[in-house]
Amino acid sequence: MHLKEKILDITKKRTINNEKFKTNSINYLIDSYVSWWQYCFKCLCTG
């Protein structure tokens, strides 16, 4: 494999990983937001 191809390959993999990371962090934010709302809702209903 030529150096240029190798660099392109590494860059491509890194981009894919970044996309996965972004998706995961967005999902994490949504999950924590939803669970926070459920917690507040329980407190309001029971308290």
N, C-alpha and C. Protein backbone atom coordinates (compact mmCIF):
# COMPACT_ATOMS: atom_id res chain seq x y z
N MET A 1 0.84 -1.19 0.00
CA MET A 1 0.00 0.00 0.00
C MET A 1 0.88 1.25 0.00
N HIS A 2 0.56 2.19 -0.87
CA HIS A 2 1.32 3.43 -0.92
C HIS A 2 0.97 4.30 0.28
N LEU A 3 1.88 5.18 0.60
CA LEU A 3 1.70 6.04 1.77
C LEU A 3 0.43 6.88 1.63
N LYS A 4 0.21 7.42 0.43
CA LYS A 4 -0.96 8.27 0.20
C LYS A 4 -2.25 7.49 0.46
N GLU A 5 -2.31 6.26 -0.05
CA GLU A 5 -3.49 5.42 0.15
C GLU A 5 -3.69 5.10 1.62
N LYS A 6 -2.58 4.86 2.29
CA LYS A 6 -2.64 4.53 3.71
C LYS A 6 -3.23 5.70 4.50
N ILE A 7 -2.75 6.89 4.20
CA ILE A 7 -3.25 8.09 4.88
C ILE A 7 -4.74 8.28 4.61
N LEU A 8 -5.14 8.09 3.35
CA LEU A 8 -6.55 8.21 3.00
C LEU A 8 -7.40 7.20 3.76
N ASP A 9 -6.88 5.99 3.87
CA ASP A 9 -7.60 4.92 4.57
C ASP A 9 -7.78 5.27 6.05
N ILE A 10 -6.71 5.74 6.67
CA ILE A 10 -6.76 6.12 8.09
C ILE A 10 -7.75 7.27 8.28
N THR A 11 -7.70 8.24 7.37
CA THR A 11 -8.61 9.39 7.47
C THR A 11 -10.06 8.95 7.36
N LYS A 12 -10.32 8.02 6.43
CA LYS A 12 -11.67 7.52 6.22
C LYS A 12 -12.17 6.83 7.49
N LYS A 13 -11.33 5.97 8.07
CA LYS A 13 -11.71 5.26 9.29
C LYS A 13 -11.99 6.23 10.42
N ARG A 14 -11.16 7.25 10.53
CA ARG A 14 -11.32 8.24 11.58
C ARG A 14 -12.64 8.98 11.43
N THR A 15 -12.99 9.30 10.19
CA THR A 15 -14.25 10.00 9.91
C THR A 15 -15.44 9.14 10.33
N ILE A 16 -15.38 7.85 10.00
CA ILE A 16 -16.46 6.92 10.38
C ILE A 16 -16.58 6.86 11.90
N ASN A 17 -15.45 6.77 12.59
CA ASN A 17 -15.46 6.72 14.05
C ASN A 17 -16.04 7.99 14.64
N ASN A 18 -15.70 9.13 14.06
CA ASN A 18 -16.24 10.41 14.54
C ASN A 18 -17.75 10.46 14.38
N GLU A 19 -18.25 9.96 13.26
CA GLU A 19 -19.70 9.93 13.03
C GLU A 19 -20.38 9.05 14.08
N LYS A 20 -19.78 7.88 14.35
CA LYS A 20 -20.34 6.98 15.37
C LYS A 20 -20.35 7.67 16.72
N PHE A 21 -19.25 8.36 17.03
CA PHE A 21 -19.13 9.04 18.31
C PHE A 21 -20.20 10.13 18.45
N LYS A 22 -20.40 10.90 17.38
CA LYS A 22 -21.42 11.95 17.40
C LYS A 22 -22.79 11.35 17.65
N THR A 23 -23.11 10.28 16.94
CA THR A 23 -24.40 9.63 17.09
C THR A 23 -24.58 9.13 18.51
N ASN A 24 -23.53 8.51 19.07
CA ASN A 24 -23.60 7.99 20.42
C ASN A 24 -23.79 9.10 21.44
N SER A 25 -23.09 10.22 21.27
CA SER A 25 -23.22 11.30 22.24
C SER A 25 -24.59 11.96 22.16
N ILE A 26 -25.15 12.04 20.95
CA ILE A 26 -26.51 12.59 20.80
C ILE A 26 -27.51 11.66 21.48
N ASN A 27 -27.37 10.36 21.26
CA ASN A 27 -28.25 9.38 21.90
C ASN A 27 -28.12 9.47 23.42
N TYR A 28 -26.90 9.65 23.90
CA TYR A 28 -26.66 9.76 25.33
C TYR A 28 -27.37 10.99 25.90
N LEU A 29 -27.26 12.11 25.20
CA LEU A 29 -27.92 13.34 25.65
C LEU A 29 -29.43 13.16 25.71
N ILE A 30 -29.99 12.54 24.66
CA ILE A 30 -31.44 12.32 24.63
C ILE A 30 -31.86 11.41 25.78
N ASP A 31 -31.09 10.32 26.00
CA ASP A 31 -31.40 9.39 27.07
C ASP A 31 -31.38 10.07 28.43
N SER A 32 -30.34 10.86 28.70
CA SER A 32 -30.24 11.50 30.00
C SER A 32 -31.33 12.56 30.18
N TYR A 33 -31.68 13.24 29.08
CA TYR A 33 -32.75 14.24 29.12
C TYR A 33 -34.08 13.58 29.45
N VAL A 34 -34.36 12.46 28.78
CA VAL A 34 -35.61 11.72 29.00
C VAL A 34 -35.69 11.20 30.42
N SER A 35 -34.60 10.61 30.91
CA SER A 35 -34.62 10.05 32.27
C SER A 35 -34.76 11.17 33.31
N TRP A 36 -34.18 12.33 33.03
CA TRP A 36 -34.31 13.48 33.93
C TRP A 36 -35.77 13.92 34.00
N TRP A 37 -36.43 13.97 32.85
CA TRP A 37 -37.84 14.36 32.82
C TRP A 37 -38.71 13.35 33.55
N GLN A 38 -38.42 12.05 33.37
CA GLN A 38 -39.19 11.01 34.06
C GLN A 38 -39.02 11.17 35.57
N TYR A 39 -37.80 11.48 36.00
CA TYR A 39 -37.52 11.68 37.42
C TYR A 39 -38.33 12.85 37.96
N CYS A 40 -38.32 13.97 37.26
CA CYS A 40 -39.07 15.15 37.68
C CYS A 40 -40.57 14.87 37.72
N PHE A 41 -41.05 14.15 36.72
CA PHE A 41 -42.46 13.83 36.62
C PHE A 41 -42.89 12.99 37.81
N LYS A 42 -42.06 12.00 38.19
CA LYS A 42 -42.36 11.16 39.35
C LYS A 42 -42.43 12.01 40.61
N CYS A 43 -41.46 12.92 40.76
CA CYS A 43 -41.43 13.78 41.94
C CYS A 43 -42.68 14.65 42.02
N LEU A 44 -43.09 15.20 40.89
CA LEU A 44 -44.28 16.06 40.86
C LEU A 44 -45.54 15.27 41.16
N CYS A 45 -45.62 14.05 40.63
CA CYS A 45 -46.82 13.24 40.82
C CYS A 45 -46.92 12.69 42.24
N THR A 46 -45.80 12.26 42.80
CA THR A 46 -45.84 11.64 44.13
C THR A 46 -45.73 12.69 45.22
N GLY A 47 -44.96 13.76 44.95
CA GLY A 47 -44.76 14.79 45.96
C GLY A 47 -45.87 15.79 45.87
